[in-house]
Amino acid sequence: MTSLLTRFKYQIQADLHEFFDKKENKNPIAMLNQYIREAEKQTEQTGKLLQRQVELKGKLESELKEATTMLEKRSAQLALAIEANEADLIAFAQQEVETYKVRQASLLTSIETAKVQVFELESKYETMKHKIKDMKVRQLQLMGKENVVRAHHKMDHIIESKNEASFEDLSEYIDHLSTKIDKKYEVTMLETRLAQLEKKPHTLLPESKVETTNE
């Protein structure tokens, strides 16, 4: 039964990996965004665990300080009880001293372990943050590539399109408009010059003198 469940679990995992691989091939940026969101969530959780571990280490250090203080106090009291030869006080003080010694040793071990754990968590936390930063850089790079591909696709579609106006058609249309405008400009200039001639005063030629011959 256990073997069957194990095979079933592995089959589900394989199916999920295949599904995500197909999805990634179809839309890599969407998958990368999902990875980044998941990584940010895990990093946030790791940061909270790190903070909690730091707080626990601080509490252990507070307990150690208190145990050390009480050990010193009970050790001094034991010395006084021995000096006063108070048997019951000696027995109580000795028991207290032993208890605080054991607690002190245990706390010292726990604090050393907590220091190592905090260091490991901090290292992994920083590594996770760097990984997220790297993924975000990769995200920007992919977005840039996708944008270039889309831009090229749109431009190629316009350049090579048979159904829509091509650049050549637009160029011919612009040339046609330019020719019409130039002709209108020429006509307008000619009309203007003719109108200016009409406004100028006409200069009459002097009458030629008629030579008379004496017959």
Foldseek 3Di string as FASTA:
>chain_A
DVVVVVVVVVVVVVVVVVVLVVVCVVPVLVSLVVVLVVLVVVLVVLVVVLVVLVVVLVVLVVVLVVLVVQLVVLVVQLVVCVVVVPVVSNVVSVVSNVVSVVSNVVSVVVNVVSVVVSVVSVVVSVVSVVVSVVSVVVSVVVVVVVVVVVVVVVVCCQQPPPVDQHPVNVVVVVVVVVVVVVVVVVVVVVVVVVVVVVPDDDDDDDDDDDDDDDD
